[in-house]
Amino acid sequence: MVFSSNIFLFAFLPLFLACYYLTPWRARSALILTFSWAFYAWWRPDFLALLVGVTSVSYAFALAIGASDEQVHRHRLLTAGVTLNLLALGYFKYANFGIDSFNVALNALGFNAIEFTRVLLPIGLSFYIFHAISYLVDIYRREAPPARNFVDFAAFIALFPHLVAGPVLRYHLLAEQFRSRTHSLGNFSRGCIIFMVGFCKKVLIADSVAPLVEAAFSAPLPTLADAWLGAGAYTIQLFFDFSGYTDMAIGLALMIGFVFPENFNDPYVSRSITEFWKRWHMSLSNWLREYLYVSLGGNRKGMLRTYINLFLTMLLGGLWHGANWTFVLWGAWHGGILILERFWEQRWGKPLLPGWLRVIKTMLLVIFGWVLFRATNLAGAARMFEGMLGLHGIGFSPPVAWQVTPDRLMVLALGVGLVYAMPWLKRQGGSYLRYLLLPLFLWAVATLSAQSFTPFLYFQF
């Protein structure tokens, strides 16, 4: 089940909200857990067992860590708990990738490939594994006490607004909200507004430019026009798809009193890749910094080690997004740029370019990275880069030209405009769009009802 579907909008959500507000406080965590497990099982009921297993194992290890006063024993328990979670992630997410890569090597050496049954990736696995790991580390660091009961912890892991595509939440930020949170008409109304904004982003913009992206990245020999249109359209699609999902998640949580942290802060106006990662998918950036970069040593062990830690963090962050060499290179691309930016700042301090040119430079670097992120394989990414250099011609190719319609170009232009008008609109309090929101939302619902839904892009990670 996804947020942008009729079954969610007109059946699941109204039923959940009605039951939630009719349920006494002491039973609300159990209600959240029941509905969240039903939400997850809607896709594949059998994979609910994996979610319950990860939850149970992490809960048990956290109790043992919290009850132990011996540091060595606590560290061993943490290591065992994190390892079990990573083994589950490794098997379901990377088994196919590992065996495929091994078979390529075997074929290159003249040996027969290994036959195997492909492993199906459970939806949202990466996100709830990260939530489980953050819980174990928070308990180990004594940043939060273990959950008072299994239901509260299971509800944190399975909380349906963030279950399948984030934001990536740290347990200690929500632990207190499970004990006490504010329910009010104001919070509920704000949650509805944020949800509607995210829904419009997804349906009216991201889904509208998706055919341009698919046509360009599927073209056998993309031209200059194909490649740049496809890369630019994907840059807009990904932003409005994922920020739209995040808005919907934050809005849904606020409807029931939970306050999620901000996940996007106008990332496409960044003046450096360093700033970009402080604005894009902020919950993931914070998670990687707190639980990976700091654990590797951060910047505490000299300049060279800092550079290595930065690169490894982004490399593993890229691999977390998907089991494909394109994601590895995407992580390496961003990690290498982060190192160069830190080196420049430490060596010379002030940037050479004025602010507006630095925004353009950063966006070009981001777009090149998104090509790797979107391409299905390295050969596809190479074709797109060749197209961006004009090696396959200039004008639109026939496979792409028929998808380039005035309405899609208009939506693409609107998306670009909104990206760079958003900071100004926020300063104005959104007053200019407030009166348009309800008709836009109704339009988006009508659009959704007239076509089949498209899943959120981050569901695949």
Protein backbone atom coordinates (compact mmCIF):
# COMPACT_ATOMS: atom_id res chain seq x y z
CA MET A 1 0.00 0.00 0.00
CA VAL A 2 1.24 3.49 -0.80
CA PHE A 3 0.06 6.92 0.32
CA SER A 4 -0.81 8.00 -3.22
CA SER A 5 -3.45 5.33 -3.79
CA ASN A 6 -7.22 5.30 -3.52
CA ILE A 7 -7.23 2.38 -1.08
CA PHE A 8 -5.06 4.39 1.33
CA LEU A 9 -6.87 7.72 0.92
CA PHE A 10 -10.44 6.49 1.07
CA ALA A 11 -10.23 3.31 3.18
CA PHE A 12 -7.10 2.78 5.27
CA LEU A 13 -6.48 6.36 6.47
CA PRO A 14 -10.08 7.27 7.45
CA LEU A 15 -10.52 3.94 9.24
CA PHE A 16 -7.21 4.32 11.08
CA LEU A 17 -7.91 7.89 12.20
CA ALA A 18 -11.41 7.02 13.37
CA CYS A 19 -10.14 4.05 15.39
CA TYR A 20 -7.18 6.01 16.74
CA TYR A 21 -9.21 8.85 18.19
CA LEU A 22 -11.83 6.47 19.62
CA THR A 23 -9.17 4.35 21.33
CA PRO A 24 -8.05 5.13 24.93
CA TRP A 25 -4.49 6.45 25.26
CA ARG A 26 -3.09 3.30 26.87
CA ALA A 27 -4.11 1.20 23.83
CA ARG A 28 -3.04 3.57 21.07
CA SER A 29 0.45 2.12 20.60
CA ALA A 30 -1.13 -1.30 20.07
CA LEU A 31 -3.55 0.21 17.57
CA ILE A 32 -0.70 1.93 15.69
CA LEU A 33 1.20 -1.36 15.60
CA THR A 34 -1.82 -3.31 14.33
CA PHE A 35 -2.57 -0.89 11.52
CA SER A 36 1.11 -0.48 10.63
CA TRP A 37 1.61 -4.22 10.31
CA ALA A 38 -1.54 -4.41 8.19
CA PHE A 39 -0.21 -1.54 6.05
CA TYR A 40 3.05 -3.42 5.50
CA ALA A 41 1.43 -6.83 4.95
CA TRP A 42 -0.80 -5.39 2.21
CA TRP A 43 2.14 -5.78 -0.22
CA ARG A 44 3.48 -9.20 0.84
CA PRO A 45 2.08 -10.79 4.02
CA ASP A 46 4.99 -13.24 4.21
CA PHE A 47 7.56 -10.46 4.59
CA LEU A 48 5.77 -9.25 7.70
CA ALA A 49 7.51 -12.15 9.46
CA LEU A 50 10.90 -10.58 8.66
CA LEU A 51 9.79 -7.22 10.08
CA VAL A 52 8.52 -8.91 13.24
CA GLY A 53 11.75 -10.93 13.51
CA VAL A 54 14.02 -7.88 13.19
CA THR A 55 11.87 -6.07 15.74
CA SER A 56 11.93 -8.93 18.25
CA VAL A 57 15.66 -9.59 18.00
CA SER A 58 16.54 -5.89 18.33
CA TYR A 59 14.19 -5.48 21.30
CA ALA A 60 15.76 -8.45 23.10
CA PHE A 61 19.32 -7.28 22.52
CA ALA A 62 18.45 -3.75 23.68
CA LEU A 63 17.01 -5.10 26.93
CA ALA A 64 20.20 -7.08 27.53
CA ILE A 65 22.38 -4.05 26.75
CA GLY A 66 20.35 -1.84 29.05
CA ALA A 67 20.47 -4.37 31.90
CA SER A 68 24.26 -4.86 31.74
CA ASP A 69 26.76 -2.66 33.57
CA GLU A 70 29.85 -4.36 32.19
CA GLN A 71 31.19 -2.33 29.27
CA VAL A 72 32.82 -5.24 27.42
CA HIS A 73 29.66 -7.31 27.69
CA ARG A 74 27.49 -4.42 26.51
CA HIS A 75 29.77 -3.86 23.52
CA ARG A 76 29.60 -7.54 22.57
CA LEU A 77 25.82 -7.47 22.77
CA LEU A 78 25.72 -4.34 20.60
CA THR A 79 28.05 -5.93 18.05
CA ALA A 80 25.94 -9.09 17.92
CA GLY A 81 22.68 -7.18 17.56
CA VAL A 82 23.97 -4.87 14.83
CA THR A 83 25.59 -7.80 13.01
CA LEU A 84 22.35 -9.78 12.92
CA ASN A 85 20.52 -6.78 11.47
CA LEU A 86 23.22 -6.25 8.86
CA LEU A 87 23.16 -9.94 7.93
CA ALA A 88 19.43 -9.69 7.23
CA LEU A 89 20.02 -6.55 5.15
CA GLY A 90 22.97 -8.15 3.38
CA TYR A 91 21.12 -11.30 2.41
CA PHE A 92 17.91 -9.78 1.12
CA LYS A 93 19.43 -6.68 -0.47
CA TYR A 94 22.87 -7.73 -1.68
CA ALA A 95 22.78 -11.49 -2.33
CA ASN A 96 21.71 -11.03 -5.96
CA PHE A 97 24.27 -8.27 -6.50
CA GLY A 98 27.09 -10.31 -4.97
CA ILE A 99 26.36 -13.48 -6.93
CA ASP A 100 25.81 -11.55 -10.18
CA SER A 101 29.16 -9.79 -9.75
CA PHE A 102 30.85 -13.10 -8.91
CA ASN A 103 29.32 -14.70 -12.03
CA VAL A 104 30.66 -11.89 -14.20
CA ALA A 105 34.12 -12.63 -12.85
CA LEU A 106 33.66 -16.35 -13.43
CA ASN A 107 32.57 -15.79 -17.03
CA ALA A 108 35.54 -13.53 -17.63
CA LEU A 109 37.80 -16.36 -16.45
CA GLY A 110 36.05 -18.90 -18.67
CA PHE A 111 34.04 -20.68 -15.97
CA ASN A 112 30.31 -21.37 -15.92
CA ALA A 113 28.10 -19.06 -13.90
CA ILE A 114 26.51 -20.22 -10.65
CA GLU A 115 22.78 -20.84 -10.90
CA PHE A 116 20.72 -19.52 -8.01
CA THR A 117 17.18 -18.49 -7.07
CA ARG A 118 16.97 -14.71 -6.98
CA VAL A 119 16.11 -13.12 -3.65
CA LEU A 120 13.18 -10.71 -3.53
CA LEU A 121 13.90 -7.46 -1.66
CA PRO A 122 11.29 -6.70 1.03
CA ILE A 123 9.95 -3.18 0.70
CA GLY A 124 11.34 -0.72 3.23
CA LEU A 125 13.97 -3.16 4.54
CA SER A 126 16.82 -0.63 4.49
CA PHE A 127 14.80 1.89 6.48
CA TYR A 128 13.58 -0.35 9.28
CA ILE A 129 16.99 -2.00 9.62
CA PHE A 130 18.51 1.47 10.09
CA HIS A 131 15.83 2.26 12.69
CA ALA A 132 16.64 -0.96 14.56
CA ILE A 133 20.38 -0.25 14.50
CA SER A 134 19.90 3.33 15.72
CA TYR A 135 17.82 1.97 18.60
CA LEU A 136 20.53 -0.46 19.67
CA VAL A 137 23.24 2.20 19.47
CA ASP A 138 21.12 4.75 21.37
CA ILE A 139 20.55 2.24 24.18
CA TYR A 140 24.26 1.36 24.21
CA ARG A 141 25.22 5.05 24.42
CA ARG A 142 22.57 5.54 27.13
CA GLU A 143 20.96 8.30 25.10
CA ALA A 144 17.60 6.68 25.82
CA PRO A 145 16.34 3.91 28.11
CA PRO A 146 15.07 0.70 26.53
CA ALA A 147 11.44 0.81 25.44
CA ARG A 148 9.08 0.21 28.36
CA ASN A 149 7.34 -2.58 26.47
CA PHE A 150 7.57 -4.49 23.23
CA VAL A 151 4.48 -2.84 21.75
CA ASP A 152 5.94 0.68 22.02
CA PHE A 153 9.18 -0.38 20.37
CA ALA A 154 7.45 -2.40 17.66
CA ALA A 155 5.19 0.58 16.97
CA PHE A 156 8.27 2.81 16.59
CA ILE A 157 9.81 0.44 14.04
CA ALA A 158 6.57 -0.18 12.15
CA LEU A 159 5.00 3.30 12.41
CA PHE A 160 3.46 3.39 8.93
CA PRO A 161 4.15 7.04 8.05
CA HIS A 162 7.90 6.35 8.00
CA LEU A 163 8.04 2.56 7.65
CA VAL A 164 8.82 2.05 3.97
CA ALA A 165 10.71 5.19 2.87
CA GLY A 166 11.67 7.20 5.90
CA PRO A 167 12.45 9.72 7.21
CA VAL A 168 15.22 7.78 8.95
CA LEU A 169 14.43 8.42 12.62
CA ARG A 170 16.57 7.93 15.69
CA TYR A 171 14.78 6.18 18.52
CA HIS A 172 15.62 8.65 21.25
CA LEU A 173 13.92 11.44 19.27
CA LEU A 174 10.59 9.59 19.34
CA ALA A 175 10.84 7.68 22.64
CA GLU A 176 9.31 10.50 24.69
CA GLN A 177 6.54 11.01 22.12
CA PHE A 178 5.39 7.44 22.69
CA ARG A 179 5.03 8.29 26.38
CA SER A 180 3.32 11.63 25.83
CA ARG A 181 2.36 13.72 22.80
CA THR A 182 -0.01 16.56 22.04
CA HIS A 183 -3.23 16.05 20.13
CA SER A 184 -5.00 19.17 18.98
CA LEU A 185 -7.14 20.46 16.15
CA GLY A 186 -4.27 22.78 15.19
CA ASN A 187 -1.78 19.92 14.89
CA PHE A 188 -4.28 17.82 12.96
CA SER A 189 -5.02 20.67 10.54
CA ARG A 190 -1.32 21.39 9.96
CA GLY A 191 -0.78 17.69 9.36
CA CYS A 192 -3.54 17.65 6.75
CA ILE A 193 -2.06 20.67 4.97
CA ILE A 194 1.46 19.18 4.90
CA PHE A 195 0.04 15.87 3.65
CA MET A 196 -1.88 17.61 0.84
CA VAL A 197 1.21 19.56 -0.24
CA GLY A 198 3.22 16.34 -0.46
CA PHE A 199 0.42 14.57 -2.33
CA CYS A 200 0.30 17.36 -4.93
CA LYS A 201 4.08 17.27 -5.32
CA LYS A 202 4.00 13.55 -6.03
CA VAL A 203 0.96 13.28 -8.30
CA LEU A 204 0.96 16.60 -10.17
CA ILE A 205 4.71 17.12 -10.70
CA ALA A 206 6.79 13.98 -10.09
CA ASP A 207 4.43 11.60 -11.88
CA SER A 208 3.84 14.08 -14.73
CA VAL A 209 7.51 14.32 -15.72
CA ALA A 210 8.21 10.61 -15.17
CA PRO A 211 7.53 9.66 -18.84
CA LEU A 212 10.24 12.11 -19.98
CA VAL A 213 12.71 10.45 -17.63
CA GLU A 214 11.80 6.92 -18.68
CA ALA A 215 12.03 7.77 -22.39
CA ALA A 216 15.45 9.43 -22.10
CA PHE A 217 17.05 6.77 -19.91
CA SER A 218 15.60 3.98 -22.10
CA ALA A 219 16.80 5.51 -25.38
CA PRO A 220 19.38 3.23 -27.06
CA LEU A 221 21.55 6.21 -28.09
CA PRO A 222 20.37 9.36 -26.27
CA THR A 223 21.15 12.62 -28.05
CA LEU A 224 22.24 15.87 -26.46
CA ALA A 225 18.62 16.99 -26.12
CA ASP A 226 17.47 13.56 -24.90
CA ALA A 227 20.14 13.27 -22.24
CA TRP A 228 19.90 16.77 -20.80
CA LEU A 229 16.11 16.69 -20.79
CA GLY A 230 16.12 13.28 -19.12
CA ALA A 231 18.72 14.26 -16.52
CA GLY A 232 16.95 17.53 -15.76
CA ALA A 233 13.52 15.89 -15.59
CA TYR A 234 14.86 13.20 -13.24
CA THR A 235 16.37 15.89 -11.03
CA ILE A 236 12.90 17.40 -10.67
CA GLN A 237 11.08 14.06 -10.48
CA LEU A 238 13.26 12.73 -7.67
CA PHE A 239 13.00 15.93 -5.64
CA PHE A 240 9.21 16.20 -5.84
CA ASP A 241 8.69 12.45 -5.45
CA PHE A 242 10.83 12.06 -2.35
CA SER A 243 10.15 15.42 -0.73
CA GLY A 244 6.48 14.79 -1.49
CA TYR A 245 6.61 11.43 0.29
CA THR A 246 8.42 13.05 3.22
CA ASP A 247 5.79 15.79 3.48
CA MET A 248 3.06 13.15 3.47
CA ALA A 249 4.87 11.16 6.17
CA ILE A 250 5.39 14.24 8.36
CA GLY A 251 1.78 15.29 7.85
CA LEU A 252 0.38 11.85 8.70
CA ALA A 253 2.52 11.67 11.84
CA LEU A 254 1.36 15.12 12.96
CA MET A 255 -2.27 14.05 12.58
CA ILE A 256 -1.68 11.62 15.47
CA GLY A 257 0.60 13.87 17.52
CA PHE A 258 4.08 12.77 16.38
CA VAL A 259 6.54 15.47 15.35
CA PHE A 260 9.07 14.28 12.77
CA PRO A 261 12.20 16.30 12.00
CA GLU A 262 12.51 18.22 8.73
CA ASN A 263 14.01 16.16 5.91
CA PHE A 264 14.47 18.71 3.10
CA ASN A 265 15.59 22.32 3.28
CA ASP A 266 15.74 23.66 -0.29
CA PRO A 267 18.69 21.43 -1.31
CA TYR A 268 18.85 22.69 -4.90
CA VAL A 269 19.90 26.19 -3.79
CA SER A 270 23.04 24.77 -2.12
CA ARG A 271 26.37 26.42 -2.93
CA SER A 272 28.44 23.27 -2.38
CA ILE A 273 27.98 19.51 -2.14
CA THR A 274 28.78 19.82 1.57
CA GLU A 275 25.83 22.18 1.97
CA PHE A 276 23.70 19.96 -0.29
CA TRP A 277 24.05 17.06 2.13
CA LYS A 278 22.99 19.30 5.00
CA ARG A 279 19.77 20.04 3.10
CA TRP A 280 18.95 16.82 1.16
CA HIS A 281 17.49 13.79 2.97
CA MET A 282 18.64 15.36 6.22
CA SER A 283 17.55 12.43 8.38
CA LEU A 284 19.75 10.03 6.40
CA SER A 285 22.67 12.49 6.44
CA ASN A 286 22.36 12.78 10.23
CA TRP A 287 22.12 8.99 10.59
CA LEU A 288 25.22 8.39 8.47
CA ARG A 289 27.14 11.03 10.41
CA GLU A 290 26.09 9.80 13.87
CA TYR A 291 26.30 6.05 13.36
CA LEU A 292 28.86 5.59 10.58
CA TYR A 293 31.13 8.62 10.20
CA VAL A 294 31.55 9.12 13.96
CA SER A 295 31.99 5.37 14.53
CA LEU A 296 34.78 5.34 11.93
CA GLY A 297 36.56 8.08 13.85
CA GLY A 298 35.06 11.20 12.29
CA ASN A 299 37.57 14.03 12.16
CA ARG A 300 39.32 13.06 15.39
CA LYS A 301 42.27 11.15 13.88
CA GLY A 302 43.94 13.59 11.53
CA MET A 303 43.28 15.02 8.09
CA LEU A 304 43.98 11.89 6.03
CA ARG A 305 41.77 9.70 8.22
CA THR A 306 39.03 12.33 8.02
CA TYR A 307 39.13 12.16 4.22
CA ILE A 308 39.01 8.35 4.29
CA ASN A 309 36.09 8.39 6.72
CA LEU A 310 34.19 10.87 4.54
CA PHE A 311 34.74 8.77 1.44
CA LEU A 312 33.80 5.49 3.13
CA THR A 313 30.66 7.04 4.62
CA MET A 314 29.43 8.24 1.24
CA LEU A 315 30.50 5.01 -0.48
CA LEU A 316 28.49 2.93 2.00
CA GLY A 317 25.66 5.47 1.81
CA GLY A 318 25.58 4.95 -1.93
CA LEU A 319 25.56 1.17 -1.55
CA TRP A 320 22.74 1.47 1.01
CA HIS A 321 20.59 3.06 -1.70
CA GLY A 322 20.86 0.06 -3.97
CA ALA A 323 22.75 -3.11 -4.84
CA ASN A 324 24.27 -1.85 -8.08
CA TRP A 325 27.64 -0.51 -9.14
CA THR A 326 25.90 2.70 -10.25
CA PHE A 327 25.05 3.44 -6.60
CA VAL A 328 28.60 2.66 -5.52
CA LEU A 329 29.95 5.14 -8.07
CA TRP A 330 27.31 7.68 -7.06
CA GLY A 331 28.49 7.44 -3.46
CA ALA A 332 32.13 7.65 -4.56
CA TRP A 333 31.30 10.71 -6.71
CA HIS A 334 29.83 12.59 -3.75
CA GLY A 335 32.50 11.35 -1.35
CA GLY A 336 35.29 12.54 -3.66
CA ILE A 337 33.70 15.99 -4.04
CA LEU A 338 33.24 16.30 -0.26
CA ILE A 339 36.96 15.58 0.20
CA LEU A 340 37.93 18.18 -2.39
CA GLU A 341 35.68 20.79 -0.81
CA ARG A 342 37.05 20.14 2.67
CA PHE A 343 40.63 20.25 1.35
CA TRP A 344 39.96 23.56 -0.41
CA GLU A 345 38.37 25.06 2.70
CA GLN A 346 41.26 23.97 4.91
CA ARG A 347 43.90 25.14 2.44
CA TRP A 348 42.47 28.37 1.01
CA GLY A 349 39.31 29.09 2.97
CA LYS A 350 37.26 31.36 0.76
CA PRO A 351 35.61 30.09 -2.47
CA LEU A 352 36.62 31.59 -5.82
CA LEU A 353 33.17 31.80 -7.45
CA PRO A 354 30.34 34.17 -6.50
CA GLY A 355 27.29 32.67 -4.84
CA TRP A 356 25.04 32.29 -7.89
CA LEU A 357 27.78 30.55 -9.89
CA ARG A 358 28.42 28.21 -6.99
CA VAL A 359 24.72 27.22 -7.04
CA ILE A 360 24.99 26.43 -10.77
CA LYS A 361 28.22 24.50 -10.26
CA THR A 362 26.70 22.48 -7.42
CA MET A 363 23.58 21.69 -9.42
CA LEU A 364 25.65 20.42 -12.35
CA LEU A 365 27.57 18.14 -9.99
CA VAL A 366 24.30 16.93 -8.48
CA ILE A 367 22.76 16.29 -11.92
CA PHE A 368 25.78 14.27 -13.07
CA GLY A 369 25.42 12.22 -9.89
CA TRP A 370 21.69 11.70 -10.49
CA VAL A 371 22.50 10.15 -13.87
CA LEU A 372 24.41 7.42 -12.06
CA PHE A 373 21.64 7.17 -9.48
CA ARG A 374 18.92 6.63 -12.11
CA ALA A 375 20.74 4.50 -14.70
CA THR A 376 19.97 0.79 -14.51
CA ASN A 377 23.62 -0.15 -15.09
CA LEU A 378 27.02 1.36 -15.86
CA ALA A 379 26.52 0.97 -19.62
CA GLY A 380 23.28 2.96 -19.42
CA ALA A 381 24.99 5.69 -17.41
CA ALA A 382 27.83 5.83 -19.94
CA ARG A 383 25.32 6.25 -22.79
CA MET A 384 23.67 9.13 -20.97
CA PHE A 385 27.00 10.86 -20.35
CA GLU A 386 27.91 10.39 -24.01
CA GLY A 387 24.58 11.92 -24.93
CA MET A 388 25.20 14.89 -22.64
CA LEU A 389 28.40 15.49 -24.61
CA GLY A 390 26.50 15.35 -27.91
CA LEU A 391 28.22 12.20 -29.16
CA HIS A 392 24.94 10.72 -30.45
CA GLY A 393 23.53 13.78 -32.14
CA ILE A 394 21.87 17.01 -31.04
CA GLY A 395 18.07 17.02 -31.49
CA PHE A 396 15.48 14.74 -29.92
CA SER A 397 15.58 11.13 -31.09
CA PRO A 398 12.30 9.47 -32.21
CA PRO A 399 11.94 7.30 -29.03
CA VAL A 400 12.03 10.47 -26.90
CA ALA A 401 10.43 13.07 -29.17
CA TRP A 402 6.91 11.62 -28.97
CA GLN A 403 7.01 11.88 -25.16
CA VAL A 404 7.99 15.56 -25.23
CA THR A 405 4.57 17.18 -25.03
CA PRO A 406 3.72 20.80 -24.14
CA ASP A 407 1.93 19.83 -20.91
CA ARG A 408 4.93 17.83 -19.64
CA LEU A 409 7.35 20.61 -20.51
CA MET A 410 5.07 23.07 -18.72
CA VAL A 411 5.01 20.90 -15.59
CA LEU A 412 8.80 20.51 -15.77
CA ALA A 413 9.22 24.29 -16.01
CA LEU A 414 6.77 24.72 -13.10
CA GLY A 415 8.80 22.25 -11.03
CA VAL A 416 12.03 24.15 -11.69
CA GLY A 417 10.30 27.41 -10.83
CA LEU A 418 8.92 26.06 -7.57
CA VAL A 419 12.31 24.69 -6.52
CA TYR A 420 13.86 28.14 -6.68
CA ALA A 421 10.78 30.08 -5.57
CA MET A 422 10.31 27.88 -2.50
CA PRO A 423 12.69 29.82 -0.21
CA TRP A 424 10.82 33.03 -1.01
CA LEU A 425 7.42 31.37 -0.58
CA LYS A 426 8.49 30.09 2.85
CA ARG A 427 9.45 33.61 3.90
CA GLN A 428 5.98 34.75 2.81
CA GLY A 429 4.41 32.03 4.92
CA GLY A 430 3.01 30.31 1.85
CA SER A 431 0.17 32.84 1.78
CA TYR A 432 0.08 32.93 -2.01
CA LEU A 433 -0.48 29.18 -2.33
CA ARG A 434 -2.74 28.61 0.66
CA TYR A 435 -5.94 29.30 -1.26
CA LEU A 436 -4.86 27.07 -4.14
CA LEU A 437 -4.06 24.03 -2.02
CA LEU A 438 -7.53 22.50 -1.73
CA PRO A 439 -8.37 22.74 -5.46
CA LEU A 440 -4.89 21.44 -6.32
CA PHE A 441 -5.36 18.52 -3.94
CA LEU A 442 -8.76 17.68 -5.45
CA TRP A 443 -7.20 17.89 -8.91
CA ALA A 444 -4.43 15.53 -7.77
CA VAL A 445 -6.99 13.07 -6.36
CA ALA A 446 -8.92 13.18 -9.63
CA THR A 447 -5.69 12.64 -11.58
CA LEU A 448 -4.78 9.69 -9.38
CA SER A 449 -8.23 8.16 -9.80
CA ALA A 450 -7.97 8.45 -13.58
CA GLN A 451 -4.74 6.47 -13.77
CA SER A 452 -2.90 3.72 -11.98
CA PHE A 453 -0.64 4.86 -9.15
CA THR A 454 3.14 4.93 -9.48
CA PRO A 455 5.18 3.85 -6.46
CA PHE A 456 7.52 6.27 -4.73
CA LEU A 457 11.08 6.12 -6.04
CA TYR A 458 12.62 5.55 -2.61
CA PHE A 459 10.48 2.43 -2.05
CA GLN A 460 13.11 0.49 -4.04
CA PHE A 461 15.82 1.29 -1.51
